[in-house]
Amino acid sequence: VLTRLDVYPTPLRSGKAAAIEYSVAKPGMVQFALYDALGRRIQELPARQSEAGSFIMHFLPDIPAPGLYFLQMRCGDHIRNRKIVVHM
């Protein structure tokens, strides 16, 4: 079960790294994907096995233009989404 998903900083500056803070209640495969406002998948991060607990990971979003994006986290049948605003 996913208990938390946050993205920092927000708004995010294009070309800068972001931090993803997440928590899972049970061990399992965790997958992150970035979508644009129209629901098109922009980027997918490699799936990773996660223990139960809270974690921080850093990634450089591959964002084509400023705007509204969504980070989706999947763990088993559970899904969480967070809005990301990107500016230049």
PDB file of N, CA and C in Angstrom:
ATOM      1  N   VAL A   1       0.846  -1.176   0.000  1.00  0.00           N
ATOM      2  CA  VAL A   1       0.000   0.000   0.000  1.00  0.00           C
ATOM      3  C   VAL A   1       0.893   1.242   0.000  1.00  0.00           C
ATOM      4  N   LEU A   2       0.569   2.168  -0.879  1.00  0.00           N
ATOM      5  CA  LEU A   2       1.291   3.434  -0.947  1.00  0.00           C
ATOM      6  C   LEU A   2       0.712   4.384   0.082  1.00  0.00           C
ATOM      7  N   THR A   3       1.562   4.987   0.858  1.00  0.00           N
ATOM      8  CA  THR A   3       1.054   5.889   1.880  1.00  0.00           C
ATOM      9  C   THR A   3       1.380   7.352   1.614  1.00  0.00           C
ATOM     10  N   ARG A   4       2.401   7.614   0.768  1.00  0.00           N
ATOM     11  CA  ARG A   4       2.777   9.002   0.515  1.00  0.00           C
ATOM     12  C   ARG A   4       3.540   9.118  -0.784  1.00  0.00           C
ATOM     13  N   LEU A   5       3.322  10.231  -1.495  1.00  0.00           N
ATOM     14  CA  LEU A   5       4.089  10.580  -2.684  1.00  0.00           C
ATOM     15  C   LEU A   5       4.155  12.093  -2.765  1.00  0.00           C
ATOM     16  N   ASP A   6       5.359  12.647  -2.733  1.00  0.00           N
ATOM     17  CA  ASP A   6       5.570  14.089  -2.851  1.00  0.00           C
ATOM     18  C   ASP A   6       6.725  14.339  -3.813  1.00  0.00           C
ATOM     19  N   VAL A   7       6.686  15.475  -4.492  1.00  0.00           N
ATOM     20  CA  VAL A   7       7.739  15.863  -5.425  1.00  0.00           C
ATOM     21  C   VAL A   7       8.205  17.264  -5.051  1.00  0.00           C
ATOM     22  N   TYR A   8       9.537  17.451  -4.985  1.00  0.00           N
ATOM     23  CA  TYR A   8      10.125  18.740  -4.634  1.00  0.00           C
ATOM     24  C   TYR A   8      11.210  19.083  -5.632  1.00  0.00           C
ATOM     25  N   PRO A   9      11.531  20.295  -5.916  1.00  0.00           N
ATOM     26  CA  PRO A   9      10.756  21.477  -5.538  1.00  0.00           C
ATOM     27  C   PRO A   9       9.543  21.616  -6.443  1.00  0.00           C
ATOM     28  N   THR A  10       8.625  22.406  -6.038  1.00  0.00           N
ATOM     29  CA  THR A  10       7.486  22.701  -6.890  1.00  0.00           C
ATOM     30  C   THR A  10       7.157  24.180  -6.734  1.00  0.00           C
ATOM     31  N   PRO A  11       7.078  24.953  -7.779  1.00  0.00           N
ATOM     32  CA  PRO A  11       7.232  24.498  -9.155  1.00  0.00           C
ATOM     33  C   PRO A  11       8.668  24.084  -9.448  1.00  0.00           C
ATOM     34  N   LEU A  12       8.792  23.239 -10.424  1.00  0.00           N
ATOM     35  CA  LEU A  12      10.081  22.694 -10.839  1.00  0.00           C
ATOM     36  C   LEU A  12      10.608  23.516 -12.007  1.00  0.00           C
ATOM     37  N   ARG A  13      11.886  23.808 -11.975  1.00  0.00           N
ATOM     38  CA  ARG A  13      12.514  24.534 -13.078  1.00  0.00           C
ATOM     39  C   ARG A  13      12.977  23.523 -14.132  1.00  0.00           C
ATOM     40  N   SER A  14      12.680  23.804 -15.382  1.00  0.00           N
ATOM     41  CA  SER A  14      13.059  22.921 -16.486  1.00  0.00           C
ATOM     42  C   SER A  14      14.569  22.675 -16.476  1.00  0.00           C
ATOM     43  N   GLY A  15      14.973  21.428 -16.645  1.00  0.00           N
ATOM     44  CA  GLY A  15      16.380  21.068 -16.682  1.00  0.00           C
ATOM     45  C   GLY A  15      17.010  20.846 -15.319  1.00  0.00           C
ATOM     46  N   LYS A  16      16.246  20.959 -14.251  1.00  0.00           N
ATOM     47  CA  LYS A  16      16.754  20.761 -12.895  1.00  0.00           C
ATOM     48  C   LYS A  16      16.247  19.445 -12.321  1.00  0.00           C
ATOM     49  N   ALA A  17      17.014  18.870 -11.419  1.00  0.00           N
ATOM     50  CA  ALA A  17      16.628  17.604 -10.786  1.00  0.00           C
ATOM     51  C   ALA A  17      15.479  17.810  -9.810  1.00  0.00           C
ATOM     52  N   ALA A  18      14.700  16.764  -9.634  1.00  0.00           N
ATOM     53  CA  ALA A  18      13.592  16.767  -8.678  1.00  0.00           C
ATOM     54  C   ALA A  18      13.824  15.647  -7.672  1.00  0.00           C
ATOM     55  N   ALA A  19      13.265  15.828  -6.484  1.00  0.00           N
ATOM     56  CA  ALA A  19      13.322  14.789  -5.454  1.00  0.00           C
ATOM     57  C   ALA A  19      11.928  14.199  -5.299  1.00  0.00           C
ATOM     58  N   ILE A  20      11.861  12.885  -5.269  1.00  0.00           N
ATOM     59  CA  ILE A  20      10.610  12.178  -5.034  1.00  0.00           C
ATOM     60  C   ILE A  20      10.704  11.564  -3.646  1.00  0.00           C
ATOM     61  N   GLU A  21       9.770  11.934  -2.782  1.00  0.00           N
ATOM     62  CA  GLU A  21       9.672  11.327  -1.462  1.00  0.00           C
ATOM     63  C   GLU A  21       8.453  10.417  -1.487  1.00  0.00           C
ATOM     64  N   TYR A  22       8.655   9.166  -1.105  1.00  0.00           N
ATOM     65  CA  TYR A  22       7.538   8.230  -1.114  1.00  0.00           C
ATOM     66  C   TYR A  22       7.631   7.260   0.046  1.00  0.00           C
ATOM     67  N   SER A  23       6.479   6.704   0.401  1.00  0.00           N
ATOM     68  CA  SER A  23       6.404   5.713   1.469  1.00  0.00           C
ATOM     69  C   SER A  23       5.549   4.549   1.002  1.00  0.00           C
ATOM     70  N   VAL A  24       5.983   3.351   1.359  1.00  0.00           N
ATOM     71  CA  VAL A  24       5.207   2.144   1.072  1.00  0.00           C
ATOM     72  C   VAL A  24       5.077   1.336   2.357  1.00  0.00           C
ATOM     73  N   ALA A  25       3.915   0.743   2.541  1.00  0.00           N
ATOM     74  CA  ALA A  25       3.659  -0.011   3.769  1.00  0.00           C
ATOM     75  C   ALA A  25       4.158  -1.445   3.683  1.00  0.00           C
ATOM     76  N   LYS A  26       4.253  -1.974   2.457  1.00  0.00           N
ATOM     77  CA  LYS A  26       4.701  -3.353   2.252  1.00  0.00           C
ATOM     78  C   LYS A  26       5.765  -3.393   1.169  1.00  0.00           C
ATOM     79  N   PRO A  27       6.689  -4.328   1.227  1.00  0.00           N
ATOM     80  CA  PRO A  27       7.675  -4.458   0.150  1.00  0.00           C
ATOM     81  C   PRO A  27       6.989  -4.768  -1.174  1.00  0.00           C
ATOM     82  N   GLY A  28       7.587  -4.300  -2.262  1.00  0.00           N
ATOM     83  CA  GLY A  28       7.042  -4.593  -3.587  1.00  0.00           C
ATOM     84  C   GLY A  28       7.763  -3.806  -4.663  1.00  0.00           C
ATOM     85  N   MET A  29       7.396  -4.079  -5.921  1.00  0.00           N
ATOM     86  CA  MET A  29       7.954  -3.349  -7.055  1.00  0.00           C
ATOM     87  C   MET A  29       7.297  -1.979  -7.126  1.00  0.00           C
ATOM     88  N   VAL A  30       8.112  -0.945  -7.289  1.00  0.00           N
ATOM     89  CA  VAL A  30       7.630   0.427  -7.393  1.00  0.00           C
ATOM     90  C   VAL A  30       8.010   0.951  -8.768  1.00  0.00           C
ATOM     91  N   GLN A  31       7.046   1.573  -9.443  1.00  0.00           N
ATOM     92  CA  GLN A  31       7.262   2.119 -10.786  1.00  0.00           C
ATOM     93  C   GLN A  31       6.806   3.576 -10.815  1.00  0.00           C
ATOM     94  N   PHE A  32       7.620   4.448 -11.403  1.00  0.00           N
ATOM     95  CA  PHE A  32       7.281   5.854 -11.564  1.00  0.00           C
ATOM     96  C   PHE A  32       7.196   6.191 -13.045  1.00  0.00           C
ATOM     97  N   ALA A  33       6.201   6.994 -13.421  1.00  0.00           N
ATOM     98  CA  ALA A  33       6.064   7.471 -14.796  1.00  0.00           C
ATOM     99  C   ALA A  33       5.607   8.918 -14.757  1.00  0.00           C
ATOM    100  N   LEU A  34       6.061   9.679 -15.738  1.00  0.00           N
ATOM    101  CA  LEU A  34       5.720  11.093 -15.855  1.00  0.00           C
ATOM    102  C   LEU A  34       4.799  11.272 -17.056  1.00  0.00           C
ATOM    103  N   TYR A  35       3.680  11.983 -16.861  1.00  0.00           N
ATOM    104  CA  TYR A  35       2.682  12.203 -17.905  1.00  0.00           C
ATOM    105  C   TYR A  35       2.469  13.690 -18.113  1.00  0.00           C
ATOM    106  N   ASP A  36       2.130  14.068 -19.360  1.00  0.00           N
ATOM    107  CA  ASP A  36       1.763  15.457 -19.601  1.00  0.00           C
ATOM    108  C   ASP A  36       0.294  15.655 -19.267  1.00  0.00           C
ATOM    109  N   ALA A  37      -0.197  16.878 -19.422  1.00  0.00           N
ATOM    110  CA  ALA A  37      -1.574  17.204 -19.045  1.00  0.00           C
ATOM    111  C   ALA A  37      -2.608  16.484 -19.907  1.00  0.00           C
ATOM    112  N   LEU A  38      -2.198  15.975 -21.077  1.00  0.00           N
ATOM    113  CA  LEU A  38      -3.111  15.235 -21.952  1.00  0.00           C
ATOM    114  C   LEU A  38      -3.075  13.732 -21.689  1.00  0.00           C
ATOM    115  N   GLY A  39      -2.281  13.314 -20.705  1.00  0.00           N
ATOM    116  CA  GLY A  39      -2.222  11.897 -20.353  1.00  0.00           C
ATOM    117  C   GLY A  39      -1.212  11.087 -21.138  1.00  0.00           C
ATOM    118  N   ARG A  40      -0.362  11.746 -21.911  1.00  0.00           N
ATOM    119  CA  ARG A  40       0.676  11.029 -22.668  1.00  0.00           C
ATOM    120  C   ARG A  40       1.874  10.773 -21.773  1.00  0.00           C
ATOM    121  N   ARG A  41       2.384   9.547 -21.810  1.00  0.00           N
ATOM    122  CA  ARG A  41       3.558   9.205 -21.009  1.00  0.00           C
ATOM    123  C   ARG A  41       4.777   9.885 -21.619  1.00  0.00           C
ATOM    124  N   ILE A  42       5.467  10.670 -20.797  1.00  0.00           N
ATOM    125  CA  ILE A  42       6.648  11.410 -21.229  1.00  0.00           C
ATOM    126  C   ILE A  42       7.924  10.649 -20.872  1.00  0.00           C
ATOM    127  N   GLN A  43       7.934  10.053 -19.699  1.00  0.00           N
ATOM    128  CA  GLN A  43       9.141   9.395 -19.198  1.00  0.00           C
ATOM    129  C   GLN A  43       8.728   8.303 -18.218  1.00  0.00           C
ATOM    130  N   GLU A  44       9.472   7.219 -18.243  1.00  0.00           N
ATOM    131  CA  GLU A  44       9.248   6.146 -17.270  1.00  0.00           C
ATOM    132  C   GLU A  44      10.582   5.808 -16.622  1.00  0.00           C
ATOM    133  N   LEU A  45      10.597   5.769 -15.312  1.00  0.00           N
ATOM    134  CA  LEU A  45      11.815   5.412 -14.589  1.00  0.00           C
ATOM    135  C   LEU A  45      11.872   3.900 -14.421  1.00  0.00           C
ATOM    136  N   PRO A  46      13.048   3.313 -14.347  1.00  0.00           N
ATOM    137  CA  PRO A  46      13.145   1.863 -14.172  1.00  0.00           C
ATOM    138  C   PRO A  46      12.430   1.409 -12.895  1.00  0.00           C
ATOM    139  N   ALA A  47      11.710   0.312 -13.002  1.00  0.00           N
ATOM    140  CA  ALA A  47      11.038  -0.261 -11.827  1.00  0.00           C
ATOM    141  C   ALA A  47      12.097  -0.679 -10.818  1.00  0.00           C
ATOM    142  N   ARG A  48      11.741  -0.580  -9.544  1.00  0.00           N
ATOM    143  CA  ARG A  48      12.697  -0.956  -8.497  1.00  0.00           C
ATOM    144  C   ARG A  48      11.973  -1.699  -7.387  1.00  0.00           C
ATOM    145  N   GLN A  49      12.671  -2.646  -6.813  1.00  0.00           N
ATOM    146  CA  GLN A  49      12.150  -3.363  -5.654  1.00  0.00           C
ATOM    147  C   GLN A  49      12.318  -2.453  -4.448  1.00  0.00           C
ATOM    148  N   SER A  50      11.279  -2.300  -3.656  1.00  0.00           N
ATOM    149  CA  SER A  50      11.327  -1.418  -2.500  1.00  0.00           C
ATOM    150  C   SER A  50      10.920  -2.175  -1.247  1.00  0.00           C
ATOM    151  N   GLU A  51      11.633  -1.932  -0.194  1.00  0.00           N
ATOM    152  CA  GLU A  51      11.247  -2.438   1.119  1.00  0.00           C
ATOM    153  C   GLU A  51      10.146  -1.527   1.663  1.00  0.00           C
ATOM    154  N   ALA A  52       9.507  -1.927   2.734  1.00  0.00           N
ATOM    155  CA  ALA A  52       8.548  -1.053   3.413  1.00  0.00           C
ATOM    156  C   ALA A  52       9.313   0.091   4.063  1.00  0.00           C
ATOM    157  N   GLY A  53       8.757   1.291   4.026  1.00  0.00           N
ATOM    158  CA  GLY A  53       9.388   2.439   4.661  1.00  0.00           C
ATOM    159  C   GLY A  53       9.260   3.689   3.824  1.00  0.00           C
ATOM    160  N   SER A  54      10.013   4.717   4.192  1.00  0.00           N
ATOM    161  CA  SER A  54      10.010   6.000   3.496  1.00  0.00           C
ATOM    162  C   SER A  54      11.339   6.188   2.790  1.00  0.00           C
ATOM    163  N   PHE A  55      11.279   6.764   1.588  1.00  0.00           N
ATOM    164  CA  PHE A  55      12.467   6.879   0.750  1.00  0.00           C
ATOM    165  C   PHE A  55      12.479   8.204   0.006  1.00  0.00           C
ATOM    166  N   ILE A  56      13.671   8.624  -0.411  1.00  0.00           N
ATOM    167  CA  ILE A  56      13.854   9.785  -1.275  1.00  0.00           C
ATOM    168  C   ILE A  56      14.714   9.344  -2.442  1.00  0.00           C
ATOM    169  N   MET A  57      14.270   9.673  -3.647  1.00  0.00           N
ATOM    170  CA  MET A  57      15.102   9.423  -4.824  1.00  0.00           C
ATOM    171  C   MET A  57      15.110  10.677  -5.683  1.00  0.00           C
ATOM    172  N   HIS A  58      16.182  10.869  -6.423  1.00  0.00           N
ATOM    173  CA  HIS A  58      16.336  12.039  -7.272  1.00  0.00           C
ATOM    174  C   HIS A  58      16.304  11.604  -8.727  1.00  0.00           C
ATOM    175  N   PHE A  59      15.689  12.447  -9.573  1.00  0.00           N
ATOM    176  CA  PHE A  59      15.688  12.161 -10.994  1.00  0.00           C
ATOM    177  C   PHE A  59      15.644  13.465 -11.766  1.00  0.00           C
ATOM    178  N   LEU A  60      16.085  13.412 -13.019  1.00  0.00           N
ATOM    179  CA  LEU A  60      16.055  14.563 -13.901  1.00  0.00           C
ATOM    180  C   LEU A  60      14.913  14.343 -14.883  1.00  0.00           C
ATOM    181  N   PRO A  61      13.810  15.063 -14.707  1.00  0.00           N
ATOM    182  CA  PRO A  61      12.677  14.864 -15.603  1.00  0.00           C
ATOM    183  C   PRO A  61      13.020  15.249 -17.037  1.00  0.00           C
ATOM    184  N   ASP A  62      12.556  14.458 -17.988  1.00  0.00           N
ATOM    185  CA  ASP A  62      12.752  14.720 -19.412  1.00  0.00           C
ATOM    186  C   ASP A  62      11.515  15.470 -19.906  1.00  0.00           C
ATOM    187  N   ILE A  63      11.458  16.759 -19.598  1.00  0.00           N
ATOM    188  CA  ILE A  63      10.268  17.562 -19.863  1.00  0.00           C
ATOM    189  C   ILE A  63      10.496  18.422 -21.099  1.00  0.00           C
ATOM    190  N   PRO A  64       9.616  18.282 -22.109  1.00  0.00           N
ATOM    191  CA  PRO A  64       9.812  19.001 -23.370  1.00  0.00           C
ATOM    192  C   PRO A  64       9.474  20.492 -23.330  1.00  0.00           C
ATOM    193  N   ALA A  65       8.588  20.916 -22.427  1.00  0.00           N
ATOM    194  CA  ALA A  65       8.163  22.316 -22.395  1.00  0.00           C
ATOM    195  C   ALA A  65       7.589  22.643 -21.021  1.00  0.00           C
ATOM    196  N   PRO A  66       7.560  23.913 -20.658  1.00  0.00           N
ATOM    197  CA  PRO A  66       6.925  24.297 -19.396  1.00  0.00           C
ATOM    198  C   PRO A  66       5.451  23.903 -19.421  1.00  0.00           C
ATOM    199  N   GLY A  67       4.885  23.677 -18.252  1.00  0.00           N
ATOM    200  CA  GLY A  67       3.470  23.350 -18.186  1.00  0.00           C
ATOM    201  C   GLY A  67       3.143  22.476 -16.996  1.00  0.00           C
ATOM    202  N   LEU A  68       2.011  21.801 -17.109  1.00  0.00           N
ATOM    203  CA  LEU A  68       1.495  20.938 -16.055  1.00  0.00           C
ATOM    204  C   LEU A  68       1.783  19.482 -16.398  1.00  0.00           C
ATOM    205  N   TYR A  69       2.350  18.755 -15.449  1.00  0.00           N
ATOM    206  CA  TYR A  69       2.678  17.343 -15.616  1.00  0.00           C
ATOM    207  C   TYR A  69       2.216  16.576 -14.386  1.00  0.00           C
ATOM    208  N   PHE A  70       2.191  15.263 -14.502  1.00  0.00           N
ATOM    209  CA  PHE A  70       1.783  14.418 -13.387  1.00  0.00           C
ATOM    210  C   PHE A  70       2.781  13.286 -13.219  1.00  0.00           C
ATOM    211  N   LEU A  71       3.207  13.072 -11.991  1.00  0.00           N
ATOM    212  CA  LEU A  71       4.053  11.938 -11.661  1.00  0.00           C
ATOM    213  C   LEU A  71       3.145  10.857 -11.090  1.00  0.00           C
ATOM    214  N   GLN A  72       3.228   9.668 -11.669  1.00  0.00           N
ATOM    215  CA  GLN A  72       2.421   8.548 -11.195  1.00  0.00           C
ATOM    216  C   GLN A  72       3.339   7.499 -10.584  1.00  0.00           C
ATOM    217  N   MET A  73       2.934   6.995  -9.435  1.00  0.00           N
ATOM    218  CA  MET A  73       3.659   5.933  -8.739  1.00  0.00           C
ATOM    219  C   MET A  73       2.747   4.721  -8.640  1.00  0.00           C
ATOM    220  N   ARG A  74       3.268   3.568  -9.020  1.00  0.00           N
ATOM    221  CA  ARG A  74       2.516   2.317  -8.919  1.00  0.00           C
ATOM    222  C   ARG A  74       3.275   1.349  -8.029  1.00  0.00           C
ATOM    223  N   CYS A  75       2.534   0.677  -7.173  1.00  0.00           N
ATOM    224  CA  CYS A  75       3.084  -0.404  -6.366  1.00  0.00           C
ATOM    225  C   CYS A  75       1.979  -1.439  -6.252  1.00  0.00           C
ATOM    226  N   GLY A  76       2.141  -2.550  -6.977  1.00  0.00           N
ATOM    227  CA  GLY A  76       1.083  -3.549  -7.027  1.00  0.00           C
ATOM    228  C   GLY A  76      -0.147  -2.953  -7.687  1.00  0.00           C
ATOM    229  N   ASP A  77      -1.294  -3.071  -7.045  1.00  0.00           N
ATOM    230  CA  ASP A  77      -2.552  -2.524  -7.570  1.00  0.00           C
ATOM    231  C   ASP A  77      -2.804  -1.090  -7.113  1.00  0.00           C
ATOM    232  N   HIS A  78      -1.880  -0.509  -6.381  1.00  0.00           N
ATOM    233  CA  HIS A  78      -2.073   0.827  -5.819  1.00  0.00           C
ATOM    234  C   HIS A  78      -1.380   1.871  -6.688  1.00  0.00           C
ATOM    235  N   ILE A  79      -2.069   3.002  -6.868  1.00  0.00           N
ATOM    236  CA  ILE A  79      -1.554   4.088  -7.707  1.00  0.00           C
ATOM    237  C   ILE A  79      -1.719   5.409  -6.968  1.00  0.00           C
ATOM    238  N   ARG A  80      -0.683   6.251  -7.036  1.00  0.00           N
ATOM    239  CA  ARG A  80      -0.755   7.626  -6.526  1.00  0.00           C
ATOM    240  C   ARG A  80      -0.275   8.554  -7.631  1.00  0.00           C
ATOM    241  N   ASN A  81      -0.857   9.750  -7.705  1.00  0.00           N
ATOM    242  CA  ASN A  81      -0.464  10.764  -8.679  1.00  0.00           C
ATOM    243  C   ASN A  81      -0.180  12.072  -7.961  1.00  0.00           C
ATOM    244  N   ARG A  82       0.806  12.806  -8.469  1.00  0.00           N
ATOM    245  CA  ARG A  82       1.106  14.136  -7.947  1.00  0.00           C
ATOM    246  C   ARG A  82       1.314  15.085  -9.124  1.00  0.00           C
ATOM    247  N   LYS A  83       0.776  16.278  -8.962  1.00  0.00           N
ATOM    248  CA  LYS A  83       0.899  17.315  -9.971  1.00  0.00           C
ATOM    249  C   LYS A  83       2.292  17.958  -9.871  1.00  0.00           C
ATOM    250  N   ILE A  84       2.871  18.247 -11.039  1.00  0.00           N
ATOM    251  CA  ILE A  84       4.155  18.947 -11.103  1.00  0.00           C
ATOM    252  C   ILE A  84       3.983  20.120 -12.067  1.00  0.00           C
ATOM    253  N   VAL A  85       4.268  21.309 -11.597  1.00  0.00           N
ATOM    254  CA  VAL A  85       4.246  22.494 -12.453  1.00  0.00           C
ATOM    255  C   VAL A  85       5.691  22.782 -12.834  1.00  0.00           C
ATOM    256  N   VAL A  86       5.944  22.946 -14.141  1.00  0.00           N
ATOM    257  CA  VAL A  86       7.296  23.184 -14.644  1.00  0.00           C
ATOM    258  C   VAL A  86       7.353  24.535 -15.331  1.00  0.00           C
ATOM    259  N   HIS A  87       8.356  25.330 -14.983  1.00  0.00           N
ATOM    260  CA  HIS A  87       8.575  26.598 -15.676  1.00  0.00           C
ATOM    261  C   HIS A  87      10.033  26.689 -16.090  1.00  0.00           C
ATOM    262  N   MET A  88      10.320  27.629 -16.958  1.00  0.00           N
ATOM    263  CA  MET A  88      11.670  27.772 -17.501  1.00  0.00           C
ATOM    264  C   MET A  88      12.597  28.409 -16.520  1.00  0.00           C
TER     265      MET A  88
END
